[in-house]
Amino acid sequence: MRIQKYLAEVEKSYHYRIKTIVPLDDDKMGRIEHAILKYNPLSLSQPKKTIIQKNPLDFPSIVASEVYIVDVELGPARVRLRHAAGTAHGPRYPGGLHRCRRSQ
């Protein structure tokens, strides 16, 4: 039974959604790609941009902004994102400009 559980864990992948209000050009996407290399990335989507929202979801302190969304799929064994109440804050950006959540 233990070996079956281990094999099931090895085959899992983890889906995350990164949201930011910082416009994602090629340079910033390259930074994201470089940052997730250590987490065994399987896929990284192109950024999607929402329409301008009066109060964007996940950004309560921001008024009237577009939200950029990137979906990430990570492989097993090396997934170690910091979570604090369901969000992970990355370095070098003022607090509240981006969010990362694990998808179901």
N, C-alpha and C. Protein backbone atom coordinates (compact mmCIF):
# COMPACT_ATOMS: atom_id res chain seq x y z
N MET A 1 0.82 -1.20 0.00
CA MET A 1 0.00 0.00 0.00
C MET A 1 0.86 1.26 0.00
N ARG A 2 1.95 1.28 0.72
CA ARG A 2 2.80 2.46 0.78
C ARG A 2 3.38 2.80 -0.59
N ILE A 3 3.79 1.80 -1.33
CA ILE A 3 4.37 2.06 -2.64
C ILE A 3 3.34 2.63 -3.60
N GLN A 4 2.09 2.20 -3.49
CA GLN A 4 1.03 2.75 -4.34
C GLN A 4 0.78 4.22 -4.00
N LYS A 5 0.80 4.54 -2.73
CA LYS A 5 0.62 5.93 -2.32
C LYS A 5 1.79 6.79 -2.83
N TYR A 6 3.00 6.27 -2.74
CA TYR A 6 4.18 6.98 -3.23
C TYR A 6 4.07 7.24 -4.73
N LEU A 7 3.68 6.22 -5.48
CA LEU A 7 3.56 6.36 -6.93
C LEU A 7 2.47 7.37 -7.29
N ALA A 8 1.38 7.38 -6.53
CA ALA A 8 0.32 8.35 -6.77
C ALA A 8 0.82 9.78 -6.52
N GLU A 9 1.64 9.96 -5.49
CA GLU A 9 2.20 11.27 -5.18
C GLU A 9 3.18 11.73 -6.26
N VAL A 10 3.95 10.80 -6.80
CA VAL A 10 4.94 11.13 -7.81
C VAL A 10 4.27 11.65 -9.08
N GLU A 11 3.09 11.15 -9.40
CA GLU A 11 2.41 11.52 -10.63
C GLU A 11 1.57 12.80 -10.50
N LYS A 12 1.44 13.35 -9.31
CA LYS A 12 0.63 14.55 -9.11
C LYS A 12 1.29 15.78 -9.72
N SER A 13 0.45 16.71 -10.12
CA SER A 13 0.94 18.03 -10.49
C SER A 13 0.12 19.06 -9.72
N TYR A 14 0.66 20.24 -9.59
CA TYR A 14 0.03 21.27 -8.78
C TYR A 14 -0.23 22.49 -9.66
N HIS A 15 -1.45 23.00 -9.60
CA HIS A 15 -1.88 24.12 -10.43
C HIS A 15 -2.00 25.38 -9.58
N TYR A 16 -1.38 26.45 -10.06
CA TYR A 16 -1.43 27.74 -9.37
C TYR A 16 -1.87 28.81 -10.36
N ARG A 17 -2.46 29.85 -9.83
CA ARG A 17 -2.85 31.01 -10.64
C ARG A 17 -2.18 32.23 -10.01
N ILE A 18 -1.37 32.90 -10.81
CA ILE A 18 -0.69 34.12 -10.37
C ILE A 18 -1.47 35.30 -10.92
N LYS A 19 -1.82 36.23 -10.04
CA LYS A 19 -2.53 37.45 -10.45
C LYS A 19 -1.70 38.65 -10.04
N THR A 20 -1.64 39.63 -10.94
CA THR A 20 -0.90 40.85 -10.64
C THR A 20 -1.56 42.03 -11.34
N ILE A 21 -1.35 43.21 -10.80
CA ILE A 21 -1.81 44.40 -11.49
C ILE A 21 -0.66 45.08 -12.22
N VAL A 22 0.53 44.50 -12.09
CA VAL A 22 1.71 44.99 -12.80
C VAL A 22 1.65 44.45 -14.22
N PRO A 23 1.68 45.31 -15.25
CA PRO A 23 1.64 44.81 -16.64
C PRO A 23 2.78 43.82 -16.91
N LEU A 24 2.46 42.71 -17.55
CA LEU A 24 3.44 41.65 -17.79
C LEU A 24 3.96 41.70 -19.22
N ASP A 25 5.13 42.30 -19.40
CA ASP A 25 5.77 42.29 -20.71
C ASP A 25 6.70 41.07 -20.78
N ASP A 26 7.46 40.95 -21.86
CA ASP A 26 8.34 39.78 -22.03
C ASP A 26 9.40 39.69 -20.93
N ASP A 27 9.92 40.83 -20.50
CA ASP A 27 10.93 40.83 -19.44
C ASP A 27 10.37 40.30 -18.13
N LYS A 28 9.18 40.76 -17.75
CA LYS A 28 8.58 40.30 -16.50
C LYS A 28 8.18 38.83 -16.58
N MET A 29 7.69 38.39 -17.74
CA MET A 29 7.36 36.97 -17.91
C MET A 29 8.64 36.12 -17.81
N GLY A 30 9.74 36.63 -18.33
CA GLY A 30 11.02 35.94 -18.19
C GLY A 30 11.44 35.82 -16.74
N ARG A 31 11.19 36.85 -15.96
CA ARG A 31 11.50 36.80 -14.52
C ARG A 31 10.64 35.76 -13.80
N ILE A 32 9.35 35.71 -14.16
CA ILE A 32 8.46 34.72 -13.55
C ILE A 32 8.94 33.32 -13.91
N GLU A 33 9.25 33.12 -15.19
CA GLU A 33 9.72 31.81 -15.66
C GLU A 33 11.00 31.41 -14.93
N HIS A 34 11.92 32.35 -14.78
CA HIS A 34 13.17 32.06 -14.07
C HIS A 34 12.90 31.73 -12.59
N ALA A 35 11.96 32.44 -11.98
CA ALA A 35 11.67 32.23 -10.56
C ALA A 35 11.05 30.86 -10.29
N ILE A 36 10.25 30.34 -11.23
CA ILE A 36 9.59 29.05 -10.97
C ILE A 36 10.42 27.86 -11.42
N LEU A 37 11.59 28.08 -12.03
CA LEU A 37 12.42 26.97 -12.48
C LEU A 37 12.76 25.99 -11.35
N LYS A 38 12.98 26.51 -10.15
CA LYS A 38 13.36 25.63 -9.04
C LYS A 38 12.18 24.81 -8.51
N TYR A 39 10.96 25.08 -8.99
CA TYR A 39 9.78 24.34 -8.54
C TYR A 39 9.30 23.30 -9.56
N ASN A 40 10.15 22.92 -10.51
CA ASN A 40 9.83 21.87 -11.48
C ASN A 40 8.60 22.22 -12.31
N PRO A 41 8.67 23.32 -13.11
CA PRO A 41 7.50 23.73 -13.89
C PRO A 41 7.18 22.77 -15.03
N LEU A 42 5.89 22.50 -15.21
CA LEU A 42 5.43 21.68 -16.32
C LEU A 42 4.83 22.56 -17.41
N SER A 43 4.15 23.64 -17.01
CA SER A 43 3.60 24.57 -17.99
C SER A 43 3.44 25.96 -17.37
N LEU A 44 3.48 26.95 -18.25
CA LEU A 44 3.31 28.34 -17.86
C LEU A 44 2.52 29.00 -18.98
N SER A 45 1.33 29.51 -18.66
CA SER A 45 0.47 30.09 -19.69
C SER A 45 0.91 31.51 -20.04
N GLN A 46 0.47 31.98 -21.18
CA GLN A 46 0.67 33.38 -21.54
C GLN A 46 -0.25 34.22 -20.65
N PRO A 47 0.15 35.45 -20.32
CA PRO A 47 -0.70 36.27 -19.45
C PRO A 47 -2.01 36.64 -20.12
N LYS A 48 -3.07 36.60 -19.33
CA LYS A 48 -4.39 37.05 -19.78
C LYS A 48 -4.70 38.34 -19.02
N LYS A 49 -5.32 39.28 -19.70
CA LYS A 49 -5.62 40.57 -19.09
C LYS A 49 -7.13 40.72 -18.96
N THR A 50 -7.59 41.11 -17.78
CA THR A 50 -9.01 41.36 -17.57
C THR A 50 -9.34 42.79 -17.99
N ILE A 51 -10.61 43.08 -18.07
CA ILE A 51 -11.02 44.46 -18.32
C ILE A 51 -10.74 45.28 -17.06
N ILE A 52 -10.75 46.58 -17.19
CA ILE A 52 -10.54 47.43 -16.02
C ILE A 52 -11.72 47.23 -15.07
N GLN A 53 -11.39 46.94 -13.82
CA GLN A 53 -12.41 46.70 -12.80
C GLN A 53 -12.33 47.79 -11.74
N LYS A 54 -13.49 48.21 -11.27
CA LYS A 54 -13.54 49.25 -10.26
C LYS A 54 -12.82 48.80 -8.98
N ASN A 55 -13.14 47.60 -8.50
CA ASN A 55 -12.50 47.00 -7.33
C ASN A 55 -12.09 45.58 -7.69
N PRO A 56 -10.85 45.38 -8.20
CA PRO A 56 -10.44 44.05 -8.62
C PRO A 56 -10.43 43.04 -7.46
N LEU A 57 -10.94 41.84 -7.73
CA LEU A 57 -10.93 40.76 -6.75
C LEU A 57 -9.50 40.47 -6.34
N ASP A 58 -9.24 40.21 -5.09
CA ASP A 58 -7.92 39.93 -4.51
C ASP A 58 -7.05 41.17 -4.32
N PHE A 59 -7.51 42.34 -4.76
CA PHE A 59 -6.75 43.57 -4.59
C PHE A 59 -7.65 44.65 -3.99
N PRO A 60 -8.02 44.51 -2.73
CA PRO A 60 -9.00 45.43 -2.13
C PRO A 60 -8.51 46.88 -2.02
N SER A 61 -7.21 47.10 -1.98
CA SER A 61 -6.71 48.47 -1.82
C SER A 61 -6.49 49.17 -3.16
N ILE A 62 -6.72 48.47 -4.27
CA ILE A 62 -6.51 49.04 -5.60
C ILE A 62 -7.85 49.45 -6.20
N VAL A 63 -7.89 50.62 -6.82
CA VAL A 63 -9.11 51.11 -7.45
C VAL A 63 -8.88 51.23 -8.96
N ALA A 64 -9.80 50.69 -9.74
CA ALA A 64 -9.81 50.81 -11.20
C ALA A 64 -8.49 50.35 -11.84
N SER A 65 -8.35 49.04 -11.97
CA SER A 65 -7.14 48.49 -12.57
C SER A 65 -7.45 47.22 -13.36
N GLU A 66 -6.58 46.91 -14.32
CA GLU A 66 -6.64 45.63 -15.00
C GLU A 66 -5.89 44.61 -14.16
N VAL A 67 -6.27 43.35 -14.28
CA VAL A 67 -5.57 42.27 -13.58
C VAL A 67 -4.99 41.34 -14.63
N TYR A 68 -3.73 40.99 -14.46
CA TYR A 68 -3.04 40.06 -15.36
C TYR A 68 -2.97 38.71 -14.67
N ILE A 69 -3.33 37.65 -15.40
CA ILE A 69 -3.43 36.31 -14.81
C ILE A 69 -2.54 35.35 -15.59
N VAL A 70 -1.73 34.57 -14.85
CA VAL A 70 -0.88 33.54 -15.44
C VAL A 70 -1.15 32.24 -14.69
N ASP A 71 -1.43 31.17 -15.43
CA ASP A 71 -1.63 29.85 -14.84
C ASP A 71 -0.34 29.06 -14.92
N VAL A 72 -0.01 28.39 -13.82
CA VAL A 72 1.24 27.63 -13.72
C VAL A 72 0.91 26.22 -13.28
N GLU A 73 1.56 25.24 -13.90
CA GLU A 73 1.46 23.85 -13.44
C GLU A 73 2.85 23.41 -13.03
N LEU A 74 2.98 22.94 -11.80
CA LEU A 74 4.26 22.51 -11.25
C LEU A 74 4.24 21.01 -11.02
N GLY A 75 5.39 20.39 -11.23
CA GLY A 75 5.53 18.95 -11.01
C GLY A 75 5.71 18.62 -9.55
N PRO A 76 5.85 17.35 -9.24
CA PRO A 76 5.93 16.89 -7.85
C PRO A 76 7.29 17.12 -7.20
N ALA A 77 7.30 16.95 -5.91
CA ALA A 77 8.49 16.83 -5.07
C ALA A 77 9.22 18.13 -4.78
N ARG A 78 9.09 19.15 -5.62
CA ARG A 78 9.84 20.36 -5.36
C ARG A 78 8.93 21.56 -5.15
N VAL A 79 7.67 21.34 -4.86
CA VAL A 79 6.72 22.43 -4.67
C VAL A 79 6.80 22.92 -3.24
N ARG A 80 7.27 24.15 -3.07
CA ARG A 80 7.39 24.74 -1.73
C ARG A 80 7.12 26.23 -1.82
N LEU A 81 5.89 26.62 -2.09
CA LEU A 81 5.53 28.03 -2.11
C LEU A 81 5.11 28.47 -0.73
N ARG A 82 5.47 29.69 -0.35
CA ARG A 82 5.05 30.24 0.92
C ARG A 82 3.59 30.61 0.86
N HIS A 83 2.82 30.15 1.83
CA HIS A 83 1.41 30.49 1.88
C HIS A 83 1.09 31.18 3.19
N ALA A 84 0.36 32.26 3.08
CA ALA A 84 -0.12 32.95 4.27
C ALA A 84 -1.57 33.32 3.97
N ALA A 85 -2.47 32.63 4.58
CA ALA A 85 -3.91 32.83 4.35
C ALA A 85 -4.27 32.67 2.88
N GLY A 86 -3.65 31.69 2.23
CA GLY A 86 -3.99 31.39 0.85
C GLY A 86 -3.27 32.21 -0.19
N THR A 87 -2.36 33.10 0.21
CA THR A 87 -1.64 33.91 -0.77
C THR A 87 -0.15 33.79 -0.54
N ALA A 88 0.61 34.04 -1.57
CA ALA A 88 2.07 34.08 -1.46
C ALA A 88 2.54 35.42 -2.03
N HIS A 89 3.31 36.14 -1.28
CA HIS A 89 3.79 37.44 -1.73
C HIS A 89 5.22 37.27 -2.21
N GLY A 90 5.49 37.71 -3.41
CA GLY A 90 6.83 37.59 -3.99
C GLY A 90 7.70 38.77 -3.61
N PRO A 91 8.98 38.68 -3.91
CA PRO A 91 9.92 39.75 -3.57
C PRO A 91 9.85 40.92 -4.54
N ARG A 92 10.36 42.06 -4.14
CA ARG A 92 10.59 43.24 -4.96
C ARG A 92 9.36 44.01 -5.41
N TYR A 93 8.19 43.64 -5.00
CA TYR A 93 7.00 44.40 -5.34
C TYR A 93 6.35 44.87 -4.06
N PRO A 94 5.85 46.09 -4.03
CA PRO A 94 5.15 46.54 -2.83
C PRO A 94 3.98 45.60 -2.53
N GLY A 95 3.69 45.40 -1.27
CA GLY A 95 2.62 44.49 -0.87
C GLY A 95 1.31 44.81 -1.54
N GLY A 96 0.58 43.77 -1.89
CA GLY A 96 -0.75 43.94 -2.44
C GLY A 96 -0.82 44.08 -3.95
N LEU A 97 0.29 43.94 -4.69
CA LEU A 97 0.26 44.09 -6.14
C LEU A 97 0.09 42.77 -6.88
N HIS A 98 0.29 41.64 -6.21
CA HIS A 98 0.11 40.35 -6.87
C HIS A 98 -0.29 39.27 -5.88
N ARG A 99 -0.89 38.19 -6.40
CA ARG A 99 -1.34 37.08 -5.57
C ARG A 99 -1.04 35.78 -6.29
N CYS A 100 -0.82 34.73 -5.53
CA CYS A 100 -0.63 33.40 -6.09
C CYS A 100 -1.47 32.44 -5.27
N ARG A 101 -2.37 31.72 -5.94
CA ARG A 101 -3.26 30.79 -5.24
C ARG A 101 -3.20 29.44 -5.89
N ARG A 102 -3.36 28.43 -5.09
CA ARG A 102 -3.41 27.07 -5.61
C ARG A 102 -4.80 26.82 -6.16
N SER A 103 -4.87 26.32 -7.39
CA SER A 103 -6.15 26.03 -8.02
C SER A 103 -6.64 24.66 -7.56
N GLN A 104 -7.96 24.45 -7.60
CA GLN A 104 -8.53 23.15 -7.24
C GLN A 104 -8.57 22.27 -8.44
